[in-house]
Amino acid sequence: MDYDIEIRFLRLKQHLEITFGAGMDVQAMLFLIGVNELGKGHQNYSKQEKTELFHIAICTLLEPYGYYEFEGRDEDGWPHFKLCKQLPPLEHKEQQFLLKEAMLEYFTANEYYREEE
């Protein structure tokens, strides 16, 4: 376990909770990223749309690692990705670590969060 990533992730979580309220966990952050990437703001999404928002977030986060490639948007403005390579089998903790690391990169690269030196 990389404690540096965990500490950095907790700082990101605290930063986001200032704006979005308590309870920001990996799932909430995935939803937030999906909504951000969709670009339509927060609204009442159906259960199916929420599932698609999680998919958008995961594809967006894993694109820099070469797992997905952005293909474009459909007529409703929803982004679509193609799978470039399969993720290796990961245990739950390894999946969480990869997502946390990717989220740190996402929020930093998009200038939504700046880590203190």
N, C-alpha and C. Protein backbone atom coordinates (compact mmCIF):
# COMPACT_ATOMS: atom_id res chain seq x y z
N MET A 1 0.85 -1.19 0.00
CA MET A 1 0.00 0.00 0.00
C MET A 1 0.89 1.24 0.00
N ASP A 2 0.57 2.16 -0.86
CA ASP A 2 1.32 3.39 -0.96
C ASP A 2 0.65 4.44 -0.07
N TYR A 3 1.27 4.71 1.07
CA TYR A 3 0.67 5.64 2.01
C TYR A 3 0.65 7.06 1.48
N ASP A 4 1.61 7.40 0.60
CA ASP A 4 1.65 8.73 0.01
C ASP A 4 0.36 8.99 -0.77
N ILE A 5 -0.06 8.03 -1.58
CA ILE A 5 -1.31 8.18 -2.36
C ILE A 5 -2.50 8.31 -1.41
N GLU A 6 -2.54 7.50 -0.37
CA GLU A 6 -3.65 7.56 0.58
C GLU A 6 -3.73 8.92 1.27
N ILE A 7 -2.61 9.45 1.68
CA ILE A 7 -2.58 10.76 2.35
C ILE A 7 -2.99 11.85 1.37
N ARG A 8 -2.46 11.79 0.17
CA ARG A 8 -2.82 12.78 -0.85
C ARG A 8 -4.31 12.69 -1.20
N PHE A 9 -4.83 11.45 -1.26
CA PHE A 9 -6.25 11.26 -1.56
C PHE A 9 -7.13 11.83 -0.45
N LEU A 10 -6.73 11.63 0.80
CA LEU A 10 -7.50 12.19 1.92
C LEU A 10 -7.53 13.72 1.85
N ARG A 11 -6.44 14.32 1.45
CA ARG A 11 -6.41 15.78 1.30
C ARG A 11 -7.36 16.22 0.18
N LEU A 12 -7.36 15.49 -0.93
CA LEU A 12 -8.28 15.78 -2.02
C LEU A 12 -9.72 15.64 -1.54
N LYS A 13 -10.00 14.58 -0.83
CA LYS A 13 -11.35 14.33 -0.29
C LYS A 13 -11.79 15.51 0.59
N GLN A 14 -10.92 15.94 1.47
CA GLN A 14 -11.25 17.07 2.36
C GLN A 14 -11.50 18.34 1.55
N HIS A 15 -10.70 18.55 0.52
CA HIS A 15 -10.87 19.72 -0.34
C HIS A 15 -12.24 19.69 -1.02
N LEU A 16 -12.62 18.54 -1.57
CA LEU A 16 -13.90 18.43 -2.26
C LEU A 16 -15.08 18.55 -1.31
N GLU A 17 -14.90 18.09 -0.07
CA GLU A 17 -15.98 18.16 0.91
C GLU A 17 -16.30 19.60 1.30
N ILE A 18 -15.35 20.51 1.14
CA ILE A 18 -15.62 21.92 1.41
C ILE A 18 -16.68 22.43 0.44
N THR A 19 -16.60 22.01 -0.80
CA THR A 19 -17.55 22.45 -1.83
C THR A 19 -18.80 21.59 -1.89
N PHE A 20 -18.63 20.28 -1.79
CA PHE A 20 -19.75 19.37 -2.05
C PHE A 20 -20.35 18.73 -0.81
N GLY A 21 -19.80 18.99 0.36
CA GLY A 21 -20.34 18.43 1.59
C GLY A 21 -19.67 17.13 1.99
N ALA A 22 -19.92 16.74 3.21
CA ALA A 22 -19.31 15.53 3.77
C ALA A 22 -19.75 14.29 3.01
N GLY A 23 -18.93 13.26 3.09
CA GLY A 23 -19.28 11.98 2.50
C GLY A 23 -18.69 11.74 1.13
N MET A 24 -17.70 12.53 0.75
CA MET A 24 -17.06 12.31 -0.55
C MET A 24 -16.19 11.06 -0.46
N ASP A 25 -16.66 10.01 -1.11
CA ASP A 25 -15.88 8.78 -1.17
C ASP A 25 -15.58 8.51 -2.65
N VAL A 26 -14.98 7.38 -2.94
CA VAL A 26 -14.61 7.06 -4.32
C VAL A 26 -15.84 7.09 -5.23
N GLN A 27 -16.94 6.51 -4.78
CA GLN A 27 -18.16 6.49 -5.60
C GLN A 27 -18.67 7.90 -5.88
N ALA A 28 -18.71 8.73 -4.85
CA ALA A 28 -19.19 10.11 -5.02
C ALA A 28 -18.28 10.88 -5.98
N MET A 29 -16.98 10.64 -5.88
CA MET A 29 -16.04 11.32 -6.77
C MET A 29 -16.18 10.83 -8.21
N LEU A 30 -16.44 9.54 -8.39
CA LEU A 30 -16.68 9.01 -9.73
C LEU A 30 -17.92 9.67 -10.34
N PHE A 31 -18.96 9.80 -9.56
CA PHE A 31 -20.18 10.46 -10.03
C PHE A 31 -19.87 11.90 -10.42
N LEU A 32 -19.14 12.60 -9.57
CA LEU A 32 -18.77 13.99 -9.82
C LEU A 32 -17.97 14.12 -11.12
N ILE A 33 -17.02 13.24 -11.34
CA ILE A 33 -16.21 13.26 -12.56
C ILE A 33 -17.09 12.98 -13.78
N GLY A 34 -17.98 11.99 -13.66
CA GLY A 34 -18.89 11.67 -14.76
C GLY A 34 -19.77 12.85 -15.14
N VAL A 35 -20.33 13.52 -14.15
CA VAL A 35 -21.16 14.70 -14.40
C VAL A 35 -20.33 15.80 -15.05
N ASN A 36 -19.12 15.99 -14.54
CA ASN A 36 -18.23 17.02 -15.10
C ASN A 36 -17.90 16.72 -16.56
N GLU A 37 -17.58 15.48 -16.86
CA GLU A 37 -17.23 15.11 -18.23
C GLU A 37 -18.43 15.17 -19.17
N LEU A 38 -19.60 14.88 -18.65
CA LEU A 38 -20.81 15.00 -19.48
C LEU A 38 -21.06 16.46 -19.83
N GLY A 39 -20.80 17.34 -18.85
CA GLY A 39 -20.89 18.77 -19.10
C GLY A 39 -22.28 19.36 -19.09
N LYS A 40 -23.23 18.66 -18.50
CA LYS A 40 -24.61 19.16 -18.47
C LYS A 40 -25.03 19.61 -17.09
N GLY A 41 -24.10 19.63 -16.14
CA GLY A 41 -24.44 20.04 -14.79
C GLY A 41 -25.18 18.95 -14.04
N HIS A 42 -25.40 19.22 -12.77
CA HIS A 42 -26.08 18.24 -11.93
C HIS A 42 -27.59 18.35 -12.15
N GLN A 43 -28.21 17.23 -12.40
CA GLN A 43 -29.65 17.16 -12.57
C GLN A 43 -30.13 15.81 -12.05
N ASN A 44 -31.38 15.55 -12.16
CA ASN A 44 -31.90 14.26 -11.73
C ASN A 44 -31.66 13.24 -12.83
N TYR A 45 -30.70 12.36 -12.58
CA TYR A 45 -30.36 11.32 -13.55
C TYR A 45 -31.07 10.03 -13.19
N SER A 46 -31.46 9.28 -14.22
CA SER A 46 -32.07 7.98 -13.99
C SER A 46 -31.00 7.01 -13.49
N LYS A 47 -31.43 5.87 -13.02
CA LYS A 47 -30.48 4.86 -12.54
C LYS A 47 -29.53 4.45 -13.68
N GLN A 48 -30.07 4.26 -14.88
CA GLN A 48 -29.24 3.90 -16.03
C GLN A 48 -28.24 5.01 -16.35
N GLU A 49 -28.68 6.26 -16.31
CA GLU A 49 -27.77 7.38 -16.57
C GLU A 49 -26.67 7.47 -15.52
N LYS A 50 -27.01 7.20 -14.28
CA LYS A 50 -25.99 7.21 -13.22
C LYS A 50 -24.93 6.14 -13.48
N THR A 51 -25.37 4.97 -13.91
CA THR A 51 -24.44 3.90 -14.27
C THR A 51 -23.53 4.35 -15.40
N GLU A 52 -24.11 5.02 -16.39
CA GLU A 52 -23.32 5.52 -17.52
C GLU A 52 -22.35 6.62 -17.08
N LEU A 53 -22.75 7.44 -16.10
CA LEU A 53 -21.85 8.48 -15.59
C LEU A 53 -20.63 7.85 -14.91
N PHE A 54 -20.85 6.76 -14.17
CA PHE A 54 -19.73 6.05 -13.54
C PHE A 54 -18.81 5.49 -14.63
N HIS A 55 -19.40 4.96 -15.69
CA HIS A 55 -18.60 4.42 -16.80
C HIS A 55 -17.77 5.52 -17.46
N ILE A 56 -18.38 6.68 -17.69
CA ILE A 56 -17.66 7.82 -18.27
C ILE A 56 -16.48 8.20 -17.38
N ALA A 57 -16.72 8.25 -16.09
CA ALA A 57 -15.66 8.62 -15.15
C ALA A 57 -14.51 7.62 -15.20
N ILE A 58 -14.83 6.35 -15.16
CA ILE A 58 -13.78 5.32 -15.16
C ILE A 58 -13.00 5.37 -16.47
N CYS A 59 -13.69 5.51 -17.58
CA CYS A 59 -13.00 5.59 -18.87
C CYS A 59 -12.09 6.82 -18.92
N THR A 60 -12.60 7.94 -18.43
CA THR A 60 -11.82 9.18 -18.41
C THR A 60 -10.58 9.02 -17.55
N LEU A 61 -10.75 8.41 -16.38
CA LEU A 61 -9.62 8.23 -15.46
C LEU A 61 -8.58 7.27 -16.00
N LEU A 62 -9.02 6.25 -16.72
CA LEU A 62 -8.08 5.22 -17.19
C LEU A 62 -7.55 5.50 -18.60
N GLU A 63 -8.07 6.53 -19.25
CA GLU A 63 -7.59 6.88 -20.59
C GLU A 63 -6.09 7.21 -20.59
N PRO A 64 -5.58 8.01 -19.64
CA PRO A 64 -4.14 8.30 -19.65
C PRO A 64 -3.26 7.06 -19.46
N TYR A 65 -3.82 6.01 -18.91
CA TYR A 65 -3.07 4.76 -18.70
C TYR A 65 -3.12 3.85 -19.94
N GLY A 66 -3.84 4.30 -20.97
CA GLY A 66 -3.91 3.55 -22.21
C GLY A 66 -4.99 2.48 -22.28
N TYR A 67 -5.90 2.46 -21.30
CA TYR A 67 -6.95 1.44 -21.30
C TYR A 67 -8.15 1.82 -22.17
N TYR A 68 -8.42 3.11 -22.30
CA TYR A 68 -9.55 3.58 -23.10
C TYR A 68 -9.09 4.72 -23.99
N GLU A 69 -9.86 4.92 -25.06
CA GLU A 69 -9.62 6.05 -25.96
C GLU A 69 -10.96 6.73 -26.21
N PHE A 70 -10.96 8.04 -26.09
CA PHE A 70 -12.16 8.82 -26.35
C PHE A 70 -12.49 8.75 -27.83
N GLU A 71 -13.75 8.41 -28.16
CA GLU A 71 -14.17 8.29 -29.55
C GLU A 71 -14.96 9.50 -30.02
N GLY A 72 -15.67 10.14 -29.11
CA GLY A 72 -16.49 11.28 -29.48
C GLY A 72 -17.78 11.29 -28.66
N ARG A 73 -18.66 12.18 -29.04
CA ARG A 73 -19.94 12.32 -28.34
C ARG A 73 -21.08 11.94 -29.27
N ASP A 74 -22.13 11.39 -28.66
CA ASP A 74 -23.31 11.05 -29.47
C ASP A 74 -24.18 12.29 -29.66
N GLU A 75 -25.31 12.12 -30.32
CA GLU A 75 -26.19 13.25 -30.61
C GLU A 75 -26.76 13.93 -29.37
N ASP A 76 -26.74 13.22 -28.23
CA ASP A 76 -27.21 13.80 -26.97
C ASP A 76 -26.07 14.39 -26.14
N GLY A 77 -24.86 14.33 -26.68
CA GLY A 77 -23.71 14.92 -25.99
C GLY A 77 -23.00 14.00 -25.02
N TRP A 78 -23.39 12.72 -24.99
CA TRP A 78 -22.75 11.77 -24.07
C TRP A 78 -21.44 11.27 -24.69
N PRO A 79 -20.34 11.33 -23.91
CA PRO A 79 -19.06 10.85 -24.44
C PRO A 79 -19.03 9.33 -24.55
N HIS A 80 -18.29 8.87 -25.56
CA HIS A 80 -18.11 7.43 -25.77
C HIS A 80 -16.63 7.11 -25.90
N PHE A 81 -16.27 5.94 -25.41
CA PHE A 81 -14.89 5.50 -25.39
C PHE A 81 -14.80 4.10 -25.97
N LYS A 82 -13.62 3.77 -26.49
CA LYS A 82 -13.40 2.40 -26.90
C LYS A 82 -12.33 1.81 -26.00
N LEU A 83 -12.47 0.54 -25.71
CA LEU A 83 -11.51 -0.19 -24.89
C LEU A 83 -10.29 -0.49 -25.74
N CYS A 84 -9.12 -0.08 -25.28
CA CYS A 84 -7.87 -0.29 -26.02
C CYS A 84 -7.13 -1.53 -25.53
N LYS A 85 -7.18 -1.77 -24.24
CA LYS A 85 -6.56 -2.97 -23.68
C LYS A 85 -7.27 -3.31 -22.38
N GLN A 86 -7.31 -4.60 -22.10
CA GLN A 86 -7.99 -5.09 -20.90
C GLN A 86 -7.19 -4.73 -19.66
N LEU A 87 -7.91 -4.37 -18.62
CA LEU A 87 -7.27 -4.18 -17.32
C LEU A 87 -6.80 -5.53 -16.81
N PRO A 88 -5.64 -5.57 -16.19
CA PRO A 88 -5.22 -6.84 -15.59
C PRO A 88 -6.13 -7.17 -14.41
N PRO A 89 -6.22 -8.43 -14.05
CA PRO A 89 -7.03 -8.78 -12.88
C PRO A 89 -6.46 -8.08 -11.64
N LEU A 90 -7.30 -7.32 -10.97
CA LEU A 90 -6.87 -6.59 -9.78
C LEU A 90 -7.76 -6.95 -8.60
N GLU A 91 -7.15 -7.03 -7.44
CA GLU A 91 -7.93 -7.19 -6.22
C GLU A 91 -8.59 -5.85 -5.90
N HIS A 92 -9.58 -5.88 -5.03
CA HIS A 92 -10.34 -4.67 -4.70
C HIS A 92 -9.42 -3.53 -4.26
N LYS A 93 -8.48 -3.82 -3.38
CA LYS A 93 -7.57 -2.78 -2.88
C LYS A 93 -6.72 -2.19 -4.00
N GLU A 94 -6.31 -3.03 -4.94
CA GLU A 94 -5.52 -2.56 -6.08
C GLU A 94 -6.37 -1.67 -7.00
N GLN A 95 -7.64 -2.05 -7.18
CA GLN A 95 -8.56 -1.23 -7.97
C GLN A 95 -8.74 0.14 -7.34
N GLN A 96 -8.96 0.13 -6.03
CA GLN A 96 -9.16 1.39 -5.30
C GLN A 96 -7.92 2.27 -5.39
N PHE A 97 -6.76 1.67 -5.26
CA PHE A 97 -5.51 2.42 -5.35
C PHE A 97 -5.37 3.06 -6.72
N LEU A 98 -5.62 2.30 -7.78
CA LEU A 98 -5.52 2.82 -9.14
C LEU A 98 -6.49 3.97 -9.35
N LEU A 99 -7.73 3.82 -8.87
CA LEU A 99 -8.72 4.89 -9.02
C LEU A 99 -8.32 6.14 -8.24
N LYS A 100 -7.83 5.95 -7.03
CA LYS A 100 -7.41 7.10 -6.21
C LYS A 100 -6.26 7.84 -6.87
N GLU A 101 -5.30 7.09 -7.37
CA GLU A 101 -4.16 7.71 -8.05
C GLU A 101 -4.63 8.47 -9.28
N ALA A 102 -5.53 7.86 -10.06
CA ALA A 102 -6.05 8.49 -11.27
C ALA A 102 -6.89 9.72 -10.94
N MET A 103 -7.63 9.68 -9.84
CA MET A 103 -8.43 10.83 -9.43
C MET A 103 -7.54 12.00 -9.04
N LEU A 104 -6.48 11.72 -8.33
CA LEU A 104 -5.52 12.78 -7.98
C LEU A 104 -4.99 13.44 -9.25
N GLU A 105 -4.64 12.62 -10.24
CA GLU A 105 -4.14 13.15 -11.50
C GLU A 105 -5.23 13.97 -12.22
N TYR A 106 -6.45 13.46 -12.23
CA TYR A 106 -7.55 14.12 -12.91
C TYR A 106 -7.83 15.50 -12.31
N PHE A 107 -8.02 15.55 -11.00
CA PHE A 107 -8.38 16.82 -10.36
C PHE A 107 -7.23 17.82 -10.43
N THR A 108 -6.00 17.34 -10.39
CA THR A 108 -4.84 18.21 -10.49
C THR A 108 -4.67 18.72 -11.93
N ALA A 109 -4.74 17.81 -12.90
CA ALA A 109 -4.55 18.18 -14.31
C ALA A 109 -5.62 19.16 -14.78
N ASN A 110 -6.83 19.03 -14.26
CA ASN A 110 -7.92 19.91 -14.66
C ASN A 110 -8.01 21.17 -13.79
N GLU A 111 -7.02 21.32 -12.92
CA GLU A 111 -6.90 22.49 -12.05
C GLU A 111 -8.09 22.70 -11.12
N TYR A 112 -8.70 21.59 -10.70
CA TYR A 112 -9.76 21.65 -9.69
C TYR A 112 -9.16 21.51 -8.30
N TYR A 113 -7.91 21.10 -8.26
CA TYR A 113 -7.26 20.84 -6.99
C TYR A 113 -5.76 21.04 -7.19
N ARG A 114 -5.14 21.67 -6.21
CA ARG A 114 -3.69 21.84 -6.26
C ARG A 114 -3.10 21.32 -4.96
N GLU A 115 -2.16 20.42 -5.12
CA GLU A 115 -1.53 19.85 -3.94
C GLU A 115 -0.50 20.82 -3.39
N GLU A 116 -0.48 20.91 -2.08
CA GLU A 116 0.51 21.76 -1.41
C GLU A 116 1.86 21.08 -1.44
N GLU A 117 2.88 21.82 -1.67
CA GLU A 117 4.24 21.26 -1.71
C GLU A 117 4.75 21.06 -0.30
